[in-house]
PDB file of N, CA and C in Angstrom:
ATOM      1  N   MET A   1       5.180 -69.901  -2.781  1.00  0.00           N
ATOM      2  CA  MET A   1       4.930 -68.736  -1.965  1.00  0.00           C
ATOM      3  C   MET A   1       5.719 -67.565  -2.503  1.00  0.00           C
ATOM      4  N   LYS A   2       5.076 -66.429  -2.582  1.00  0.00           N
ATOM      5  CA  LYS A   2       5.731 -65.221  -3.051  1.00  0.00           C
ATOM      6  C   LYS A   2       5.581 -64.169  -1.980  1.00  0.00           C
ATOM      7  N   ASP A   3       6.656 -63.541  -1.603  1.00  0.00           N
ATOM      8  CA  ASP A   3       6.641 -62.447  -0.647  1.00  0.00           C
ATOM      9  C   ASP A   3       7.570 -61.392  -1.201  1.00  0.00           C
ATOM     10  N   SER A   4       7.024 -60.439  -1.925  1.00  0.00           N
ATOM     11  CA  SER A   4       7.877 -59.456  -2.578  1.00  0.00           C
ATOM     12  C   SER A   4       7.533 -58.059  -2.129  1.00  0.00           C
ATOM     13  N   ASN A   5       8.516 -57.208  -2.136  1.00  0.00           N
ATOM     14  CA  ASN A   5       8.333 -55.798  -1.821  1.00  0.00           C
ATOM     15  C   ASN A   5       8.642 -55.016  -3.086  1.00  0.00           C
ATOM     16  N   SER A   6       7.582 -54.615  -3.808  1.00  0.00           N
ATOM     17  CA  SER A   6       7.768 -53.992  -5.101  1.00  0.00           C
ATOM     18  C   SER A   6       8.194 -52.538  -5.008  1.00  0.00           C
ATOM     19  N   ASN A   7       7.881 -51.863  -3.933  1.00  0.00           N
ATOM     20  CA  ASN A   7       8.355 -50.501  -3.750  1.00  0.00           C
ATOM     21  C   ASN A   7       8.479 -50.217  -2.268  1.00  0.00           C
ATOM     22  N   LYS A   8       8.812 -48.970  -1.931  1.00  0.00           N
ATOM     23  CA  LYS A   8       9.085 -48.644  -0.542  1.00  0.00           C
ATOM     24  C   LYS A   8       7.891 -48.777   0.381  1.00  0.00           C
ATOM     25  N   SER A   9       6.663 -48.691  -0.157  1.00  0.00           N
ATOM     26  CA  SER A   9       5.512 -48.646   0.733  1.00  0.00           C
ATOM     27  C   SER A   9       4.570 -49.837   0.628  1.00  0.00           C
ATOM     28  N   SER A  10       4.913 -50.896  -0.106  1.00  0.00           N
ATOM     29  CA  SER A  10       3.967 -52.003  -0.219  1.00  0.00           C
ATOM     30  C   SER A  10       4.638 -53.364  -0.092  1.00  0.00           C
ATOM     31  N   SER A  11       3.838 -54.357   0.309  1.00  0.00           N
ATOM     32  CA  SER A  11       4.255 -55.755   0.364  1.00  0.00           C
ATOM     33  C   SER A  11       3.172 -56.598  -0.271  1.00  0.00           C
ATOM     34  N   PHE A  12       3.576 -57.645  -0.960  1.00  0.00           N
ATOM     35  CA  PHE A  12       2.657 -58.530  -1.655  1.00  0.00           C
ATOM     36  C   PHE A  12       2.925 -59.938  -1.153  1.00  0.00           C
ATOM     37  N   ILE A  13       1.920 -60.567  -0.544  1.00  0.00           N
ATOM     38  CA  ILE A  13       2.060 -61.911  -0.006  1.00  0.00           C
ATOM     39  C   ILE A  13       1.099 -62.798  -0.784  1.00  0.00           C
ATOM     40  N   GLU A  14       1.637 -63.805  -1.468  1.00  0.00           N
ATOM     41  CA  GLU A  14       0.826 -64.626  -2.358  1.00  0.00           C
ATOM     42  C   GLU A  14       1.168 -66.099  -2.222  1.00  0.00           C
ATOM     43  N   GLY A  15       0.136 -66.935  -2.339  1.00  0.00           N
ATOM     44  CA  GLY A  15       0.336 -68.373  -2.466  1.00  0.00           C
ATOM     45  C   GLY A  15       0.744 -69.103  -1.202  1.00  0.00           C
ATOM     46  N   ILE A  16       0.395 -68.585  -0.041  1.00  0.00           N
ATOM     47  CA  ILE A  16       0.668 -69.301   1.199  1.00  0.00           C
ATOM     48  C   ILE A  16      -0.315 -70.467   1.270  1.00  0.00           C
ATOM     49  N   SER A  17       0.172 -71.687   1.428  1.00  0.00           N
ATOM     50  CA  SER A  17      -0.710 -72.843   1.470  1.00  0.00           C
ATOM     51  C   SER A  17      -0.260 -73.811   2.558  1.00  0.00           C
ATOM     52  N   LYS A  18      -1.191 -74.124   3.462  1.00  0.00           N
ATOM     53  CA  LYS A  18      -0.952 -75.076   4.546  1.00  0.00           C
ATOM     54  C   LYS A  18       0.278 -74.715   5.368  1.00  0.00           C
ATOM     55  N   GLN A  19       0.360 -73.432   5.763  1.00  0.00           N
ATOM     56  CA  GLN A  19       1.514 -72.943   6.516  1.00  0.00           C
ATOM     57  C   GLN A  19       1.069 -71.980   7.604  1.00  0.00           C
ATOM     58  N   LEU A  20       1.969 -71.755   8.543  1.00  0.00           N
ATOM     59  CA  LEU A  20       1.868 -70.661   9.483  1.00  0.00           C
ATOM     60  C   LEU A  20       2.822 -69.594   8.968  1.00  0.00           C
ATOM     61  N   TYR A  21       2.329 -68.368   8.777  1.00  0.00           N
ATOM     62  CA  TYR A  21       3.137 -67.288   8.205  1.00  0.00           C
ATOM     63  C   TYR A  21       3.046 -66.099   9.149  1.00  0.00           C
ATOM     64  N   VAL A  22       4.183 -65.596   9.611  1.00  0.00           N
ATOM     65  CA  VAL A  22       4.216 -64.499  10.578  1.00  0.00           C
ATOM     66  C   VAL A  22       5.145 -63.404  10.074  1.00  0.00           C
ATOM     67  N   LYS A  23       4.666 -62.163  10.138  1.00  0.00           N
ATOM     68  CA  LYS A  23       5.503 -60.996   9.874  1.00  0.00           C
ATOM     69  C   LYS A  23       5.403 -60.077  11.084  1.00  0.00           C
ATOM     70  N   LYS A  24       6.532 -59.865  11.752  1.00  0.00           N
ATOM     71  CA  LYS A  24       6.592 -58.960  12.891  1.00  0.00           C
ATOM     72  C   LYS A  24       6.856 -57.540  12.385  1.00  0.00           C
ATOM     73  N   PRO A  25       6.594 -56.528  13.208  1.00  0.00           N
ATOM     74  CA  PRO A  25       6.846 -55.155  12.776  1.00  0.00           C
ATOM     75  C   PRO A  25       8.275 -54.919  12.288  1.00  0.00           C
ATOM     76  N   SER A  26       9.242 -55.563  12.903  1.00  0.00           N
ATOM     77  CA  SER A  26      10.634 -55.372  12.486  1.00  0.00           C
ATOM     78  C   SER A  26      10.927 -56.009  11.127  1.00  0.00           C
ATOM     79  N   GLU A  27      10.096 -56.949  10.688  1.00  0.00           N
ATOM     80  CA  GLU A  27      10.297 -57.634   9.408  1.00  0.00           C
ATOM     81  C   GLU A  27       9.530 -56.997   8.260  1.00  0.00           C
ATOM     82  N   LEU A  28       8.528 -56.199   8.567  1.00  0.00           N
ATOM     83  CA  LEU A  28       7.676 -55.609   7.539  1.00  0.00           C
ATOM     84  C   LEU A  28       7.671 -54.100   7.730  1.00  0.00           C
ATOM     85  N   LYS A  29       8.506 -53.414   7.002  1.00  0.00           N
ATOM     86  CA  LYS A  29       8.609 -51.963   7.151  1.00  0.00           C
ATOM     87  C   LYS A  29       7.842 -51.265   6.034  1.00  0.00           C
ATOM     88  N   ARG A  30       6.645 -51.735   5.781  1.00  0.00           N
ATOM     89  CA  ARG A  30       5.803 -51.192   4.719  1.00  0.00           C
ATOM     90  C   ARG A  30       4.480 -50.740   5.316  1.00  0.00           C
ATOM     91  N   SER A  31       3.844 -49.797   4.669  1.00  0.00           N
ATOM     92  CA  SER A  31       2.573 -49.292   5.185  1.00  0.00           C
ATOM     93  C   SER A  31       1.373 -49.894   4.461  1.00  0.00           C
ATOM     94  N   PHE A  32       1.605 -50.766   3.480  1.00  0.00           N
ATOM     95  CA  PHE A  32       0.541 -51.351   2.672  1.00  0.00           C
ATOM     96  C   PHE A  32       0.847 -52.821   2.460  1.00  0.00           C
ATOM     97  N   VAL A  33      -0.182 -53.678   2.572  1.00  0.00           N
ATOM     98  CA  VAL A  33       0.026 -55.096   2.321  1.00  0.00           C
ATOM     99  C   VAL A  33      -1.134 -55.635   1.486  1.00  0.00           C
ATOM    100  N   LYS A  34      -0.807 -56.533   0.565  1.00  0.00           N
ATOM    101  CA  LYS A  34      -1.803 -57.227  -0.239  1.00  0.00           C
ATOM    102  C   LYS A  34      -1.593 -58.712  -0.024  1.00  0.00           C
ATOM    103  N   ILE A  35      -2.638 -59.412   0.444  1.00  0.00           N
ATOM    104  CA  ILE A  35      -2.584 -60.849   0.701  1.00  0.00           C
ATOM    105  C   ILE A  35      -3.501 -61.523  -0.313  1.00  0.00           C
ATOM    106  N   VAL A  36      -2.917 -62.405  -1.150  1.00  0.00           N
ATOM    107  CA  VAL A  36      -3.638 -62.964  -2.293  1.00  0.00           C
ATOM    108  C   VAL A  36      -3.451 -64.478  -2.365  1.00  0.00           C
ATOM    109  N   ASN A  37      -4.522 -65.207  -2.669  1.00  0.00           N
ATOM    110  CA  ASN A  37      -4.471 -66.646  -2.950  1.00  0.00           C
ATOM    111  C   ASN A  37      -3.761 -67.459  -1.867  1.00  0.00           C
ATOM    112  N   CYS A  38      -4.202 -67.299  -0.650  1.00  0.00           N
ATOM    113  CA  CYS A  38      -3.645 -68.050   0.470  1.00  0.00           C
ATOM    114  C   CYS A  38      -4.699 -69.046   0.959  1.00  0.00           C
ATOM    115  N   HIS A  39      -4.301 -70.295   1.144  1.00  0.00           N
ATOM    116  CA  HIS A  39      -5.264 -71.356   1.425  1.00  0.00           C
ATOM    117  C   HIS A  39      -4.816 -72.234   2.591  1.00  0.00           C
ATOM    118  N   GLU A  40      -5.771 -72.596   3.433  1.00  0.00           N
ATOM    119  CA  GLU A  40      -5.550 -73.511   4.552  1.00  0.00           C
ATOM    120  C   GLU A  40      -4.342 -73.107   5.391  1.00  0.00           C
ATOM    121  N   SER A  41      -4.280 -71.838   5.759  1.00  0.00           N
ATOM    122  CA  SER A  41      -3.129 -71.302   6.476  1.00  0.00           C
ATOM    123  C   SER A  41      -3.571 -70.374   7.593  1.00  0.00           C
ATOM    124  N   VAL A  42      -2.612 -70.051   8.457  1.00  0.00           N
ATOM    125  CA  VAL A  42      -2.790 -69.017   9.467  1.00  0.00           C
ATOM    126  C   VAL A  42      -1.734 -67.965   9.180  1.00  0.00           C
ATOM    127  N   ILE A  43      -2.181 -66.712   9.004  1.00  0.00           N
ATOM    128  CA  ILE A  43      -1.282 -65.626   8.614  1.00  0.00           C
ATOM    129  C   ILE A  43      -1.381 -64.528   9.663  1.00  0.00           C
ATOM    130  N   TYR A  44      -0.246 -64.131  10.209  1.00  0.00           N
ATOM    131  CA  TYR A  44      -0.163 -63.046  11.175  1.00  0.00           C
ATOM    132  C   TYR A  44       0.666 -61.924  10.568  1.00  0.00           C
ATOM    133  N   ILE A  45       0.077 -60.746  10.459  1.00  0.00           N
ATOM    134  CA  ILE A  45       0.807 -59.544  10.058  1.00  0.00           C
ATOM    135  C   ILE A  45       0.656 -58.588  11.234  1.00  0.00           C
ATOM    136  N   LEU A  46       1.692 -58.464  12.041  1.00  0.00           N
ATOM    137  CA  LEU A  46       1.599 -57.758  13.305  1.00  0.00           C
ATOM    138  C   LEU A  46       2.065 -56.313  13.239  1.00  0.00           C
ATOM    139  N   ALA A  47       2.572 -55.878  12.091  1.00  0.00           N
ATOM    140  CA  ALA A  47       3.022 -54.501  11.933  1.00  0.00           C
ATOM    141  C   ALA A  47       1.821 -53.577  11.732  1.00  0.00           C
ATOM    142  N   PRO A  48       1.884 -52.341  12.224  1.00  0.00           N
ATOM    143  CA  PRO A  48       0.808 -51.394  11.929  1.00  0.00           C
ATOM    144  C   PRO A  48       0.827 -51.043  10.442  1.00  0.00           C
ATOM    145  N   LEU A  49      -0.360 -50.996   9.832  1.00  0.00           N
ATOM    146  CA  LEU A  49      -0.470 -50.753   8.397  1.00  0.00           C
ATOM    147  C   LEU A  49      -1.415 -49.589   8.126  1.00  0.00           C
ATOM    148  N   ARG A  50      -1.150 -48.879   7.040  1.00  0.00           N
ATOM    149  CA  ARG A  50      -2.099 -47.867   6.586  1.00  0.00           C
ATOM    150  C   ARG A  50      -3.242 -48.494   5.812  1.00  0.00           C
ATOM    151  N   TYR A  51      -2.933 -49.560   5.028  1.00  0.00           N
ATOM    152  CA  TYR A  51      -3.935 -50.135   4.145  1.00  0.00           C
ATOM    153  C   TYR A  51      -3.648 -51.609   3.932  1.00  0.00           C
ATOM    154  N   ALA A  52      -4.694 -52.418   3.868  1.00  0.00           N
ATOM    155  CA  ALA A  52      -4.545 -53.845   3.585  1.00  0.00           C
ATOM    156  C   ALA A  52      -5.617 -54.273   2.586  1.00  0.00           C
ATOM    157  N   ILE A  53      -5.225 -55.107   1.625  1.00  0.00           N
ATOM    158  CA  ILE A  53      -6.150 -55.716   0.678  1.00  0.00           C
ATOM    159  C   ILE A  53      -6.002 -57.223   0.814  1.00  0.00           C
ATOM    160  N   ILE A  54      -7.150 -57.921   0.954  1.00  0.00           N
ATOM    161  CA  ILE A  54      -7.132 -59.378   1.111  1.00  0.00           C
ATOM    162  C   ILE A  54      -8.151 -59.967   0.153  1.00  0.00           C
ATOM    163  N   TYR A  55      -7.722 -60.910  -0.677  1.00  0.00           N
ATOM    164  CA  TYR A  55      -8.663 -61.607  -1.547  1.00  0.00           C
ATOM    165  C   TYR A  55      -8.102 -62.934  -2.021  1.00  0.00           C
ATOM    166  N   GLY A  56      -9.003 -63.821  -2.458  1.00  0.00           N
ATOM    167  CA  GLY A  56      -8.611 -65.098  -3.022  1.00  0.00           C
ATOM    168  C   GLY A  56      -8.101 -66.100  -2.001  1.00  0.00           C
ATOM    169  N   TRP A  57      -8.728 -66.192  -0.843  1.00  0.00           N
ATOM    170  CA  TRP A  57      -8.261 -67.160   0.149  1.00  0.00           C
ATOM    171  C   TRP A  57      -9.384 -68.114   0.498  1.00  0.00           C
ATOM    172  N   SER A  58      -9.027 -69.257   1.051  1.00  0.00           N
ATOM    173  CA  SER A  58     -10.023 -70.207   1.553  1.00  0.00           C
ATOM    174  C   SER A  58      -9.461 -70.929   2.764  1.00  0.00           C
ATOM    175  N   ASP A  59     -10.336 -71.208   3.723  1.00  0.00           N
ATOM    176  CA  ASP A  59      -9.958 -71.925   4.948  1.00  0.00           C
ATOM    177  C   ASP A  59      -8.712 -71.330   5.594  1.00  0.00           C
ATOM    178  N   ALA A  60      -8.651 -70.013   5.670  1.00  0.00           N
ATOM    179  CA  ALA A  60      -7.486 -69.344   6.249  1.00  0.00           C
ATOM    180  C   ALA A  60      -7.917 -68.438   7.392  1.00  0.00           C
ATOM    181  N   SER A  61      -7.041 -68.305   8.388  1.00  0.00           N
ATOM    182  CA  SER A  61      -7.221 -67.328   9.455  1.00  0.00           C
ATOM    183  C   SER A  61      -6.174 -66.255   9.247  1.00  0.00           C
ATOM    184  N   ILE A  62      -6.613 -64.998   9.205  1.00  0.00           N
ATOM    185  CA  ILE A  62      -5.708 -63.879   8.974  1.00  0.00           C
ATOM    186  C   ILE A  62      -5.826 -62.941  10.166  1.00  0.00           C
ATOM    187  N   VAL A  63      -4.706 -62.700  10.827  1.00  0.00           N
ATOM    188  CA  VAL A  63      -4.668 -61.830  11.994  1.00  0.00           C
ATOM    189  C   VAL A  63      -3.827 -60.620  11.626  1.00  0.00           C
ATOM    190  N   LEU A  64      -4.448 -59.432  11.695  1.00  0.00           N
ATOM    191  CA  LEU A  64      -3.752 -58.183  11.373  1.00  0.00           C
ATOM    192  C   LEU A  64      -3.625 -57.328  12.622  1.00  0.00           C
ATOM    193  N   GLY A  65      -2.516 -56.598  12.700  1.00  0.00           N
ATOM    194  CA  GLY A  65      -2.343 -55.617  13.768  1.00  0.00           C
ATOM    195  C   GLY A  65      -3.219 -54.408  13.446  1.00  0.00           C
ATOM    196  N   ALA A  66      -2.814 -53.237  13.855  1.00  0.00           N
ATOM    197  CA  ALA A  66      -3.572 -52.019  13.574  1.00  0.00           C
ATOM    198  C   ALA A  66      -3.553 -51.730  12.074  1.00  0.00           C
ATOM    199  N   VAL A  67      -4.748 -51.504  11.509  1.00  0.00           N
ATOM    200  CA  VAL A  67      -4.873 -51.206  10.075  1.00  0.00           C
ATOM    201  C   VAL A  67      -5.776 -49.994   9.925  1.00  0.00           C
ATOM    202  N   GLY A  68      -5.297 -48.997   9.153  1.00  0.00           N
ATOM    203  CA  GLY A  68      -6.098 -47.805   8.916  1.00  0.00           C
ATOM    204  C   GLY A  68      -7.311 -48.101   8.057  1.00  0.00           C
ATOM    205  N   LYS A  69      -7.106 -48.762   6.920  1.00  0.00           N
ATOM    206  CA  LYS A  69      -8.194 -49.123   6.006  1.00  0.00           C
ATOM    207  C   LYS A  69      -7.955 -50.542   5.519  1.00  0.00           C
ATOM    208  N   ILE A  70      -9.062 -51.277   5.311  1.00  0.00           N
ATOM    209  CA  ILE A  70      -8.928 -52.648   4.825  1.00  0.00           C
ATOM    210  C   ILE A  70     -10.012 -52.892   3.778  1.00  0.00           C
ATOM    211  N   HIS A  71      -9.624 -53.594   2.728  1.00  0.00           N
ATOM    212  CA  HIS A  71     -10.569 -53.979   1.679  1.00  0.00           C
ATOM    213  C   HIS A  71     -10.497 -55.492   1.534  1.00  0.00           C
ATOM    214  N   ILE A  72     -11.645 -56.149   1.675  1.00  0.00           N
ATOM    215  CA  ILE A  72     -11.694 -57.608   1.644  1.00  0.00           C
ATOM    216  C   ILE A  72     -12.721 -58.047   0.620  1.00  0.00           C
ATOM    217  N   TRP A  73     -12.328 -58.931  -0.276  1.00  0.00           N
ATOM    218  CA  TRP A  73     -13.270 -59.552  -1.202  1.00  0.00           C
ATOM    219  C   TRP A  73     -13.732 -60.853  -0.583  1.00  0.00           C
ATOM    220  N   PHE A  74     -15.045 -61.048  -0.475  1.00  0.00           N
ATOM    221  CA  PHE A  74     -15.601 -62.196   0.215  1.00  0.00           C
ATOM    222  C   PHE A  74     -16.023 -63.334  -0.699  1.00  0.00           C
ATOM    223  N   GLN A  75     -15.431 -63.511  -1.858  1.00  0.00           N
ATOM    224  CA  GLN A  75     -15.745 -64.675  -2.675  1.00  0.00           C
ATOM    225  C   GLN A  75     -14.889 -65.853  -2.232  1.00  0.00           C
ATOM    226  N   THR A  76     -14.767 -66.007  -0.946  1.00  0.00           N
ATOM    227  CA  THR A  76     -13.923 -67.041  -0.369  1.00  0.00           C
ATOM    228  C   THR A  76     -14.760 -67.940   0.534  1.00  0.00           C
ATOM    229  N   PHE A  77     -14.162 -69.022   1.026  1.00  0.00           N
ATOM    230  CA  PHE A  77     -14.861 -69.975   1.867  1.00  0.00           C
ATOM    231  C   PHE A  77     -14.244 -70.030   3.254  1.00  0.00           C
ATOM    232  N   ASN A  78     -15.085 -70.064   4.261  1.00  0.00           N
ATOM    233  CA  ASN A  78     -14.685 -70.214   5.661  1.00  0.00           C
ATOM    234  C   ASN A  78     -13.675 -69.171   6.138  1.00  0.00           C
ATOM    235  N   PRO A  79     -13.965 -67.859   5.961  1.00  0.00           N
ATOM    236  CA  PRO A  79     -13.014 -66.866   6.471  1.00  0.00           C
ATOM    237  C   PRO A  79     -13.092 -66.759   7.989  1.00  0.00           C
ATOM    238  N   THR A  80     -11.974 -66.459   8.619  1.00  0.00           N
ATOM    239  CA  THR A  80     -11.909 -66.170  10.049  1.00  0.00           C
ATOM    240  C   THR A  80     -11.136 -64.881  10.227  1.00  0.00           C
ATOM    241  N   PHE A  81     -11.721 -63.926  10.942  1.00  0.00           N
ATOM    242  CA  PHE A  81     -11.037 -62.661  11.200  1.00  0.00           C
ATOM    243  C   PHE A  81     -10.893 -62.468  12.689  1.00  0.00           C
ATOM    244  N   VAL A  82      -9.749 -61.919  13.100  1.00  0.00           N
ATOM    245  CA  VAL A  82      -9.502 -61.617  14.499  1.00  0.00           C
ATOM    246  C   VAL A  82      -9.106 -60.168  14.587  1.00  0.00           C
TER     247      VAL A  82
END
């Protein structure tokens, strides 16, 4: 699992597998998030975001708080959005 903050305004979440992953607003002080290659997991990002990119996941449920813009690649299997 990789959770890195490469600059002041972005977060990169990669490789979550068979886990519950939660980021509360107090834990994620970024306006942009990229969620990549996450499988068989439930991911909650509850902080308000300006932009989110999601791709490369399968059998995952992703719950986002308020998001200004979102880009999702659908070459995945069994997506669930809330």
